[in-house]
């Protein structure tokens, strides 16, 4: 344990880290300078290593516990830890994920300063929300164009139905005068995408349910909820690293304290989580198979990099311009 320092454990940038772990029915502990999780097998206990220096998020589901020593090492490595219901989504009478963030005082401040430059101005905050929404669609078009597996499943960004929906989205987003207009436009687009995905995968009578029954047989909804929580983990990690509090939301802020996590997660949900939830449901995949598929696509299309780049651009759009102007004066 004495051989490591916090700086040693942060050699991999968060935007380049590869792993999100969801664990259940195990105990997470520190042993010989490593973070391990222990499972109880029939005849013996088994230990598995967690590569914390290459991990962004650790999600702890049903039947899990964690030691103080393990939390200390995870904090040193800058890993976000969250407790959640089974399968990464809330259960009835259980709470949503509460992210436990390392209390580092050495994160950058310019992104928070930049965010505050515009956040208290209604017009600038709305403009920033529009930027995020446009980037969300740009990422969808990029992923659906490049991903050959999605093309094989019939997901085509150039499909007339999708192009029409996106054109309408761009027009309504540009014309929006308040955040509720953007939320309505987002909901209308997502409804079209659900219908398109359901038709492509021959899933009939699909209806979106954010909290299906515990033993639900509706895999598309289960996978959507699970994938969304993986996206929330990436978003929370991005915001923590950049030092921007989750309460300074652009669109969802009037209803949820951690709403900026939802805003940032929206950047990748439609592009990756939505189509793969339906494809994996069609293939009757297990929860683990779906999770592995989505996490691999996150990595292939550099979803976390995209989140960082977008949030940094939005945060610094006014801040850098004013700094340059001040220097010139």
Protein backbone atom coordinates (compact mmCIF):
# COMPACT_ATOMS: atom_id res chain seq x y z
CA UNK A 1 0.00 0.00 0.00
CA UNK A 2 2.86 2.37 0.81
CA UNK A 3 4.31 1.89 -2.70
CA UNK A 4 1.48 3.91 -4.27
CA UNK A 5 0.58 7.58 -4.15
CA UNK A 6 -2.54 9.29 -5.50
CA UNK A 7 -0.51 10.72 -8.38
CA UNK A 8 0.70 7.23 -9.35
CA UNK A 9 -2.89 6.05 -9.62
CA UNK A 10 -4.03 8.89 -11.89
CA UNK A 11 -1.65 8.32 -14.79
CA UNK A 12 -4.52 7.38 -17.13
CA UNK A 13 -6.73 10.34 -18.04
CA UNK A 14 -10.38 9.81 -17.19
CA UNK A 15 -11.40 10.43 -20.79
CA UNK A 16 -9.16 7.52 -21.85
CA UNK A 17 -10.16 5.00 -19.18
CA UNK A 18 -11.77 1.82 -20.42
CA UNK A 19 -13.77 0.32 -17.56
CA UNK A 20 -17.14 0.67 -15.88
CA UNK A 21 -17.89 -2.12 -13.42
CA UNK A 22 -21.30 -3.25 -12.14
CA UNK A 23 -21.01 -5.66 -9.20
CA UNK A 24 -23.61 -7.56 -7.19
CA UNK A 25 -23.57 -10.12 -4.38
CA UNK A 26 -19.92 -9.56 -3.49
CA UNK A 27 -17.66 -7.72 -1.07
CA UNK A 28 -15.23 -5.06 -2.29
CA UNK A 29 -12.03 -4.76 -0.27
CA UNK A 30 -8.40 -3.69 -0.30
CA UNK A 31 -5.80 -6.45 -0.17
CA UNK A 32 -2.03 -6.19 -0.70
CA UNK A 33 -2.29 -2.73 -2.24
CA UNK A 34 -5.04 -3.69 -4.71
CA UNK A 35 -8.82 -3.33 -4.76
CA UNK A 36 -10.51 -6.72 -5.11
CA UNK A 37 -14.02 -8.07 -4.99
CA UNK A 38 -14.80 -11.32 -3.22
CA UNK A 39 -17.53 -13.71 -4.31
CA UNK A 40 -18.71 -16.73 -2.36
CA UNK A 41 -18.50 -19.86 -4.48
CA UNK A 42 -19.90 -23.22 -3.44
CA UNK A 43 -16.63 -24.70 -2.27
CA UNK A 44 -14.34 -21.68 -1.98
CA UNK A 45 -14.21 -17.90 -2.05
CA UNK A 46 -12.90 -16.26 -5.20
CA UNK A 47 -11.03 -12.94 -5.48
CA UNK A 48 -11.02 -10.77 -8.62
CA UNK A 49 -8.88 -7.70 -9.19
CA UNK A 50 -10.37 -4.30 -10.16
CA UNK A 51 -7.94 -2.24 -12.31
CA UNK A 52 -8.73 1.01 -10.54
CA UNK A 53 -6.25 3.19 -12.46
CA UNK A 54 -8.14 2.35 -15.67
CA UNK A 55 -11.67 2.58 -14.22
CA UNK A 56 -14.10 5.51 -14.33
CA UNK A 57 -17.15 4.20 -12.46
CA UNK A 58 -17.93 1.40 -10.01
CA UNK A 59 -21.64 0.58 -9.62
CA UNK A 60 -22.61 -1.54 -6.60
CA UNK A 61 -25.89 -3.43 -6.94
CA UNK A 62 -27.79 -5.85 -4.73
CA UNK A 63 -25.96 -7.72 -1.99
CA UNK A 64 -22.76 -5.67 -2.08
CA UNK A 65 -20.58 -4.14 0.62
CA UNK A 66 -17.35 -2.17 0.51
CA UNK A 67 -14.62 -1.52 3.06
CA UNK A 68 -13.27 1.85 4.12
CA UNK A 69 -9.78 0.89 2.89
CA UNK A 70 -11.14 0.07 -0.57
CA UNK A 71 -13.00 3.40 -0.72
CA UNK A 72 -9.79 5.21 0.19
CA UNK A 73 -7.91 3.61 -2.71
CA UNK A 74 -10.78 4.21 -5.14
CA UNK A 75 -10.82 7.88 -4.12
CA UNK A 76 -7.07 8.13 -4.65
CA UNK A 77 -7.50 6.74 -8.16
CA UNK A 78 -10.39 9.12 -8.92
CA UNK A 79 -13.01 6.39 -9.37
CA UNK A 80 -16.67 7.34 -8.87
CA UNK A 81 -18.66 4.87 -6.77
CA UNK A 82 -22.44 4.52 -6.86
CA UNK A 83 -24.95 2.32 -5.03
CA UNK A 84 -27.91 1.25 -7.15
CA UNK A 85 -30.72 -1.27 -7.43
CA UNK A 86 -30.45 -4.61 -9.18
CA UNK A 87 -29.18 -4.49 -12.75
CA UNK A 88 -28.02 -0.91 -12.35
CA UNK A 89 -31.53 0.53 -12.17
CA UNK A 90 -33.67 1.45 -9.15
CA UNK A 91 -36.04 -1.03 -7.55
CA UNK A 92 -39.27 -0.12 -5.83
CA UNK A 93 -38.53 1.33 -2.40
CA UNK A 94 -34.88 1.73 -3.41
CA UNK A 95 -33.14 4.95 -4.28
CA UNK A 96 -31.52 6.02 -7.50
CA UNK A 97 -27.75 5.93 -7.82
CA UNK A 98 -26.03 8.35 -5.46
CA UNK A 99 -22.54 9.01 -6.79
CA UNK A 100 -19.79 9.10 -4.19
CA UNK A 101 -17.14 11.43 -5.59
CA UNK A 102 -13.52 11.69 -4.42
CA UNK A 103 -12.91 14.94 -2.54
CA UNK A 104 -9.92 16.12 -4.55
CA UNK A 105 -8.99 19.79 -4.27
CA UNK A 106 -6.70 19.68 -7.29
CA UNK A 107 -9.23 19.61 -10.10
CA UNK A 108 -9.29 22.51 -12.60
CA UNK A 109 -11.39 25.58 -11.81
CA UNK A 110 -11.66 27.23 -15.23
CA UNK A 111 -14.55 25.01 -16.36
CA UNK A 112 -16.66 25.91 -13.32
CA UNK A 113 -15.76 29.59 -13.79
CA UNK A 114 -16.71 29.37 -17.46
CA UNK A 115 -19.97 27.62 -16.66
CA UNK A 116 -20.87 30.33 -14.15
CA UNK A 117 -20.10 33.04 -16.74
CA UNK A 118 -23.23 32.11 -18.68
CA UNK A 119 -25.36 30.01 -16.35
CA UNK A 120 -27.12 32.88 -14.56
CA UNK A 121 -28.09 34.49 -17.88
CA UNK A 122 -31.31 32.86 -19.17
CA UNK A 123 -30.54 33.53 -22.84
CA UNK A 124 -26.96 32.25 -22.63
CA UNK A 125 -28.06 29.17 -20.68
CA UNK A 126 -30.66 28.41 -23.34
CA UNK A 127 -28.04 28.85 -26.07
CA UNK A 128 -25.75 26.43 -24.24
CA UNK A 129 -28.60 23.89 -24.00
CA UNK A 130 -29.15 24.21 -27.75
CA UNK A 131 -25.44 23.56 -28.35
CA UNK A 132 -25.67 20.37 -26.29
CA UNK A 133 -28.75 19.21 -28.20
CA UNK A 134 -27.12 19.83 -31.58
CA UNK A 135 -24.02 17.91 -30.50
CA UNK A 136 -26.26 15.06 -29.38
CA UNK A 137 -27.67 14.73 -32.90
CA UNK A 138 -24.25 15.10 -34.49
CA UNK A 139 -23.01 12.17 -32.39
CA UNK A 140 -26.04 10.05 -33.35
CA UNK A 141 -25.40 10.67 -37.05
CA UNK A 142 -21.71 9.89 -36.59
CA UNK A 143 -22.27 6.60 -34.72
CA UNK A 144 -25.10 5.33 -36.92
CA UNK A 145 -23.05 6.12 -40.03
CA UNK A 146 -19.84 4.44 -38.87
CA UNK A 147 -21.15 1.43 -36.94
CA UNK A 148 -21.47 -1.46 -39.40
CA UNK A 149 -23.35 -3.66 -36.90
CA UNK A 150 -26.06 -1.04 -36.51
CA UNK A 151 -26.28 -0.67 -40.28
CA UNK A 152 -26.81 -4.42 -40.54
CA UNK A 153 -29.68 -4.10 -38.05
CA UNK A 154 -31.29 -1.40 -40.21
CA UNK A 155 -30.26 1.70 -38.26
CA UNK A 156 -29.40 4.26 -40.91
CA UNK A 157 -28.93 7.97 -40.21
CA UNK A 158 -29.78 8.67 -43.86
CA UNK A 159 -33.11 6.89 -43.75
CA UNK A 160 -35.83 9.34 -44.94
CA UNK A 161 -37.80 8.82 -41.73
CA UNK A 162 -34.78 9.66 -39.56
CA UNK A 163 -33.69 12.58 -41.74
CA UNK A 164 -37.17 14.07 -41.54
CA UNK A 165 -37.25 13.67 -37.76
CA UNK A 166 -33.81 15.26 -37.40
CA UNK A 167 -34.70 18.15 -39.68
CA UNK A 168 -37.77 18.83 -37.55
CA UNK A 169 -35.61 18.57 -34.41
CA UNK A 170 -33.11 21.13 -35.73
CA UNK A 171 -35.90 23.57 -36.69
CA UNK A 172 -37.71 23.32 -33.37
CA UNK A 173 -34.47 23.50 -31.37
CA UNK A 174 -33.41 26.67 -33.19
CA UNK A 175 -36.85 28.21 -32.59
CA UNK A 176 -37.05 27.25 -28.89
CA UNK A 177 -37.45 30.19 -26.50
CA UNK A 178 -37.28 28.31 -23.19
CA UNK A 179 -35.91 25.00 -21.81
CA UNK A 180 -39.36 23.40 -21.77
CA UNK A 181 -39.50 23.85 -25.56
CA UNK A 182 -36.26 21.89 -25.85
CA UNK A 183 -37.57 19.15 -23.56
CA UNK A 184 -40.71 18.82 -25.67
CA UNK A 185 -38.68 18.67 -28.89
CA UNK A 186 -36.40 16.06 -27.33
CA UNK A 187 -39.38 13.94 -26.26
CA UNK A 188 -40.90 14.09 -29.75
CA UNK A 189 -37.64 12.97 -31.38
CA UNK A 190 -37.10 10.17 -28.87
CA UNK A 191 -40.63 8.88 -29.54
CA UNK A 192 -39.81 8.67 -33.27
CA UNK A 193 -36.53 6.86 -32.50
CA UNK A 194 -38.29 4.34 -30.25
CA UNK A 195 -40.79 3.57 -32.99
CA UNK A 196 -38.04 3.30 -35.60
CA UNK A 197 -35.99 0.96 -33.39
CA UNK A 198 -39.00 -1.19 -32.49
CA UNK A 199 -39.92 -1.59 -36.17
CA UNK A 200 -36.34 -2.50 -37.12
CA UNK A 201 -36.17 -5.20 -34.47
CA UNK A 202 -39.77 -6.47 -34.86
CA UNK A 203 -40.68 -5.59 -31.27
CA UNK A 204 -44.43 -5.01 -31.29
CA UNK A 205 -46.50 -2.73 -29.08
CA UNK A 206 -43.48 -1.13 -27.42
CA UNK A 207 -44.26 1.41 -24.72
CA UNK A 208 -41.52 3.16 -22.78
CA UNK A 209 -41.48 2.38 -19.06
CA UNK A 210 -38.76 3.94 -16.96
CA UNK A 211 -39.32 1.57 -14.05
CA UNK A 212 -40.62 -1.80 -15.30
CA UNK A 213 -41.76 -4.50 -12.91
CA UNK A 214 -39.01 -6.25 -10.97
CA UNK A 215 -39.35 -9.50 -12.93
CA UNK A 216 -40.18 -7.79 -16.21
CA UNK A 217 -40.05 -9.76 -19.45
CA UNK A 218 -39.80 -6.50 -21.41
CA UNK A 219 -36.10 -6.63 -22.17
CA UNK A 220 -36.08 -3.52 -24.35
CA UNK A 221 -37.23 -1.36 -21.42
CA UNK A 222 -34.93 -3.15 -18.98
CA UNK A 223 -31.93 -2.62 -21.26
CA UNK A 224 -32.82 1.02 -21.88
CA UNK A 225 -32.90 1.67 -18.13
CA UNK A 226 -29.68 -0.23 -17.54
CA UNK A 227 -27.85 1.45 -20.42
CA UNK A 228 -29.02 4.87 -19.30
CA UNK A 229 -27.46 4.30 -15.88
CA UNK A 230 -24.16 3.41 -17.52
CA UNK A 231 -24.39 6.71 -19.42
CA UNK A 232 -25.16 8.52 -16.15
CA UNK A 233 -21.97 7.04 -14.69
CA UNK A 234 -19.90 8.43 -17.56
CA UNK A 235 -21.61 11.82 -17.31
CA UNK A 236 -21.07 12.04 -13.54
CA UNK A 237 -17.41 11.13 -13.98
CA UNK A 238 -16.95 13.76 -16.70
CA UNK A 239 -18.51 16.51 -14.58
CA UNK A 240 -16.56 15.55 -11.46
CA UNK A 241 -13.24 15.63 -13.31
CA UNK A 242 -14.07 19.06 -14.79
CA UNK A 243 -15.25 20.35 -11.40
CA UNK A 244 -18.78 21.34 -12.48
CA UNK A 245 -21.48 20.68 -9.83
CA UNK A 246 -24.40 18.55 -10.98
CA UNK A 247 -26.99 21.13 -9.94
CA UNK A 248 -26.10 23.66 -12.65
CA UNK A 249 -28.24 22.01 -15.30
CA UNK A 250 -29.24 23.40 -18.68
CA UNK A 251 -32.56 21.62 -19.27
CA UNK A 252 -33.59 19.28 -16.45
CA UNK A 253 -32.70 21.58 -13.57
CA UNK A 254 -36.15 22.43 -12.23
CA UNK A 255 -36.92 18.87 -11.19
CA UNK A 256 -33.70 17.19 -10.10
CA UNK A 257 -30.72 18.27 -8.04
CA UNK A 258 -28.28 16.22 -10.12
CA UNK A 259 -29.88 17.22 -13.39
CA UNK A 260 -26.71 18.19 -15.25
CA UNK A 261 -25.79 14.49 -15.20
CA UNK A 262 -28.97 13.83 -17.19
CA UNK A 263 -28.17 16.64 -19.64
CA UNK A 264 -24.68 15.28 -20.33
CA UNK A 265 -25.79 11.64 -20.50
CA UNK A 266 -28.31 12.63 -23.18
CA UNK A 267 -25.35 13.33 -25.48
CA UNK A 268 -24.83 9.59 -26.05
CA UNK A 269 -28.07 7.84 -25.06
CA UNK A 270 -29.90 8.10 -28.39
CA UNK A 271 -26.82 7.23 -30.42
CA UNK A 272 -25.74 4.11 -28.51
CA UNK A 273 -28.00 2.98 -25.66
CA UNK A 274 -31.28 3.23 -27.57
CA UNK A 275 -30.46 1.13 -30.65
CA UNK A 276 -28.48 -1.52 -28.78
CA UNK A 277 -31.22 -1.96 -26.17
CA UNK A 278 -33.61 -2.97 -28.94
CA UNK A 279 -31.07 -5.09 -30.84
CA UNK A 280 -30.06 -7.01 -27.72
CA UNK A 281 -33.72 -7.44 -26.74
CA UNK A 282 -34.42 -8.93 -30.18
CA UNK A 283 -31.52 -11.34 -29.71
CA UNK A 284 -32.76 -12.25 -26.21
CA UNK A 285 -29.38 -11.29 -24.76
CA UNK A 286 -28.66 -11.50 -21.06
CA UNK A 287 -28.18 -8.38 -18.98
CA UNK A 288 -24.43 -9.04 -18.86
CA UNK A 289 -24.21 -9.49 -22.63
CA UNK A 290 -26.07 -6.22 -23.17
CA UNK A 291 -23.82 -4.40 -20.71
CA UNK A 292 -20.67 -5.74 -22.37
CA UNK A 293 -21.96 -4.74 -25.79
CA UNK A 294 -22.84 -1.17 -24.75
CA UNK A 295 -19.59 -0.61 -22.88
CA UNK A 296 -17.62 -1.84 -25.89
CA UNK A 297 -19.50 0.56 -28.19
CA UNK A 298 -18.85 3.39 -25.70
CA UNK A 299 -15.15 2.62 -26.07
CA UNK A 300 -15.20 2.13 -29.86
CA UNK A 301 -16.87 5.48 -30.48
CA UNK A 302 -14.98 7.31 -27.71
CA UNK A 303 -18.18 8.34 -25.94
CA UNK A 304 -16.41 9.66 -22.85
CA UNK A 305 -13.99 11.70 -24.99
CA UNK A 306 -17.00 13.18 -26.76
CA UNK A 307 -18.62 14.11 -23.44
CA UNK A 308 -15.46 15.82 -22.21
CA UNK A 309 -14.94 17.74 -25.46
CA UNK A 310 -18.55 18.92 -25.59
CA UNK A 311 -18.79 20.02 -21.95
CA UNK A 312 -15.42 21.79 -22.13
CA UNK A 313 -16.44 23.64 -25.30
CA UNK A 314 -19.73 24.76 -23.75
CA UNK A 315 -18.03 25.78 -20.49
CA UNK A 316 -15.30 27.86 -22.08
CA UNK A 317 -17.23 29.48 -24.95
CA UNK A 318 -17.62 32.83 -23.12
CA UNK A 319 -14.84 32.46 -20.57
CA UNK A 320 -11.95 32.27 -23.05
CA UNK A 321 -13.31 35.09 -25.20
CA UNK A 322 -13.51 37.41 -22.20
CA UNK A 323 -10.04 36.40 -21.00
CA UNK A 324 -8.55 37.18 -24.43
CA UNK A 325 -10.41 40.50 -24.57
CA UNK A 326 -9.14 41.42 -21.09
CA UNK A 327 -5.55 40.64 -22.10
CA UNK A 328 -5.86 42.80 -25.22
CA UNK A 329 -7.06 45.72 -23.12
